[in-house]
Amino acid sequence: TGVTWQSLLHNFFQSFREPQKFFKCDKVVVKEINARQIYREITAFGQHLVENVYFNSDAGEAVCRAVKDGREVDVERVSVLRTDPMRFEFFQRNMASGERVFWKMGQAIVLGDVEIWLEQARTTADS
């Protein structure tokens, strides 16, 4: 890939904090709760999303939990940057059981995100 895990992780995490720089969206509101959590509202792909996003830098993991009526729903979306070999995993899981559940996410959207993160990481590495 020509990029380091740390550089790719940084751009991956930034895409949650500044989604408008990584994909087409509007009405973006991001509130930094602490270094490991943000609250965000965005309109993308025809949907308005309200969610808490949790970051675990050591595990390379970003967990998105949708917020409905002021409470987090019971299914979370997980995006992880793994090592050996470096790769992304995307899945949904039930928060109570930890079991993975079906996620109707188009592969083209996910692959497009990965390409953007790679390009941004390459640009960061070159500067």
Protein backbone atom coordinates (compact mmCIF):
# COMPACT_ATOMS: atom_id res chain seq x y z
CA THR A 1 0.00 0.00 0.00
CA GLY A 2 2.95 2.34 0.57
CA VAL A 3 1.46 3.73 3.79
CA THR A 4 1.97 2.99 7.45
CA TRP A 5 -0.72 1.56 9.70
CA GLN A 6 -0.56 4.72 11.86
CA SER A 7 -0.99 7.05 8.89
CA LEU A 8 -3.93 5.05 7.55
CA LEU A 9 -5.49 4.88 11.04
CA HIS A 10 -5.22 8.66 11.43
CA ASN A 11 -7.05 9.31 8.14
CA PHE A 12 -9.59 6.58 8.88
CA PHE A 13 -10.42 8.20 12.25
CA GLN A 14 -10.45 11.70 10.74
CA SER A 15 -13.14 10.60 8.29
CA PHE A 16 -15.51 10.26 11.25
CA ARG A 17 -14.56 13.67 12.67
CA GLU A 18 -14.61 15.48 9.30
CA PRO A 19 -16.80 13.37 7.03
CA GLN A 20 -17.33 16.19 4.52
CA LYS A 21 -13.63 15.91 3.55
CA PHE A 22 -14.00 12.22 2.73
CA PHE A 23 -17.43 11.75 1.18
CA LYS A 24 -20.47 13.70 -0.02
CA CYS A 25 -22.57 14.76 2.94
CA ASP A 26 -24.06 17.88 4.45
CA LYS A 27 -25.60 19.27 7.63
CA VAL A 28 -22.55 18.01 9.54
CA VAL A 29 -22.42 18.58 13.30
CA VAL A 30 -19.56 17.01 15.26
CA LYS A 31 -19.04 17.44 18.99
CA GLU A 32 -15.85 16.15 20.57
CA ILE A 33 -16.86 14.42 23.83
CA ASN A 34 -13.31 13.34 24.67
CA ALA A 35 -10.27 11.93 22.84
CA ARG A 36 -12.04 8.58 22.40
CA GLN A 37 -15.60 9.69 21.60
CA ILE A 38 -17.53 12.08 19.36
CA TYR A 39 -21.21 12.82 18.82
CA ARG A 40 -22.15 13.53 15.24
CA GLU A 41 -25.08 14.31 13.01
CA ILE A 42 -24.77 14.07 9.25
CA THR A 43 -26.98 13.76 6.22
CA ALA A 44 -25.52 11.29 3.72
CA PHE A 45 -26.88 8.86 1.15
CA GLY A 46 -30.34 10.35 1.67
CA GLN A 47 -30.42 9.63 5.41
CA HIS A 48 -29.95 11.78 8.48
CA LEU A 49 -27.66 10.00 10.93
CA VAL A 50 -27.31 10.79 14.64
CA GLU A 51 -24.66 8.71 16.35
CA ASN A 52 -21.99 8.37 18.98
CA VAL A 53 -18.63 7.23 17.62
CA TYR A 54 -16.09 5.54 19.88
CA PHE A 55 -12.40 5.23 18.97
CA ASN A 56 -9.93 2.63 20.21
CA SER A 57 -6.54 3.55 18.73
CA ASP A 58 -4.75 0.49 20.10
CA ALA A 59 -7.24 -1.86 18.43
CA GLY A 60 -7.63 0.33 15.30
CA GLU A 61 -11.38 0.33 15.88
CA ALA A 62 -14.16 2.87 15.33
CA VAL A 63 -17.58 1.90 16.67
CA CYS A 64 -20.69 3.83 15.59
CA ARG A 65 -23.84 3.60 17.66
CA ALA A 66 -26.94 5.24 16.26
CA VAL A 67 -28.89 7.42 18.69
CA LYS A 68 -32.70 7.27 18.60
CA ASP A 69 -34.86 9.24 21.05
CA GLY A 70 -31.75 10.15 23.05
CA ARG A 71 -30.60 6.54 23.52
CA GLU A 72 -28.15 4.33 21.67
CA VAL A 73 -29.71 1.50 19.69
CA ASP A 74 -28.74 -2.12 20.40
CA VAL A 75 -26.74 -2.70 17.19
CA GLU A 76 -23.39 -1.05 16.52
CA ARG A 77 -21.44 -0.65 13.30
CA VAL A 78 -17.78 -1.57 13.65
CA SER A 79 -14.92 -0.56 11.35
CA VAL A 80 -11.47 -1.94 12.15
CA LEU A 81 -8.01 -1.50 10.66
CA ARG A 82 -6.20 -4.80 11.28
CA THR A 83 -2.54 -5.75 10.96
CA ASP A 84 -0.62 -8.79 9.66
CA PRO A 85 -1.72 -8.30 6.93
CA MET A 86 -3.02 -4.74 7.04
CA ARG A 87 -6.72 -4.82 6.11
CA PHE A 88 -10.10 -3.35 7.02
CA GLU A 89 -13.04 -5.20 8.48
CA PHE A 90 -16.57 -3.79 8.51
CA PHE A 91 -19.43 -5.43 10.38
CA GLN A 92 -22.44 -4.88 12.61
CA ARG A 93 -22.83 -6.54 15.97
CA ASN A 94 -25.41 -6.84 18.68
CA MET A 95 -24.15 -4.85 21.67
CA ALA A 96 -25.59 -7.22 24.27
CA SER A 97 -24.36 -10.51 22.81
CA GLY A 98 -21.36 -9.32 20.78
CA GLU A 99 -22.58 -11.48 17.88
CA ARG A 100 -22.28 -10.20 14.35
CA VAL A 101 -25.53 -9.42 12.55
CA PHE A 102 -26.33 -8.76 8.89
CA TRP A 103 -25.38 -5.29 7.63
CA LYS A 104 -26.91 -4.18 4.35
CA MET A 105 -24.03 -1.96 3.27
CA GLY A 106 -23.05 -1.73 -0.36
CA GLN A 107 -19.55 -3.00 -1.08
CA ALA A 108 -18.92 -0.11 -3.49
CA ILE A 109 -19.45 2.43 -0.70
CA VAL A 110 -17.02 0.68 1.62
CA LEU A 111 -14.38 0.21 -1.09
CA GLY A 112 -14.73 3.87 -2.02
CA ASP A 113 -14.07 4.86 1.60
CA VAL A 114 -10.96 2.68 1.76
CA GLU A 115 -9.60 4.22 -1.45
CA ILE A 116 -10.09 7.71 -0.03
CA TRP A 117 -8.37 6.80 3.27
CA LEU A 118 -5.44 5.29 1.35
CA GLU A 119 -5.09 8.34 -0.89
CA GLN A 120 -5.22 10.70 2.09
CA ALA A 121 -2.64 8.57 3.96
CA ARG A 122 -0.33 8.65 0.90
CA THR A 123 -0.72 12.42 0.65
CA THR A 124 0.04 12.80 4.36
CA ALA A 125 3.12 10.55 4.05
CA ASP A 126 4.41 12.55 1.07
CA SER A 127 4.15 15.93 2.81
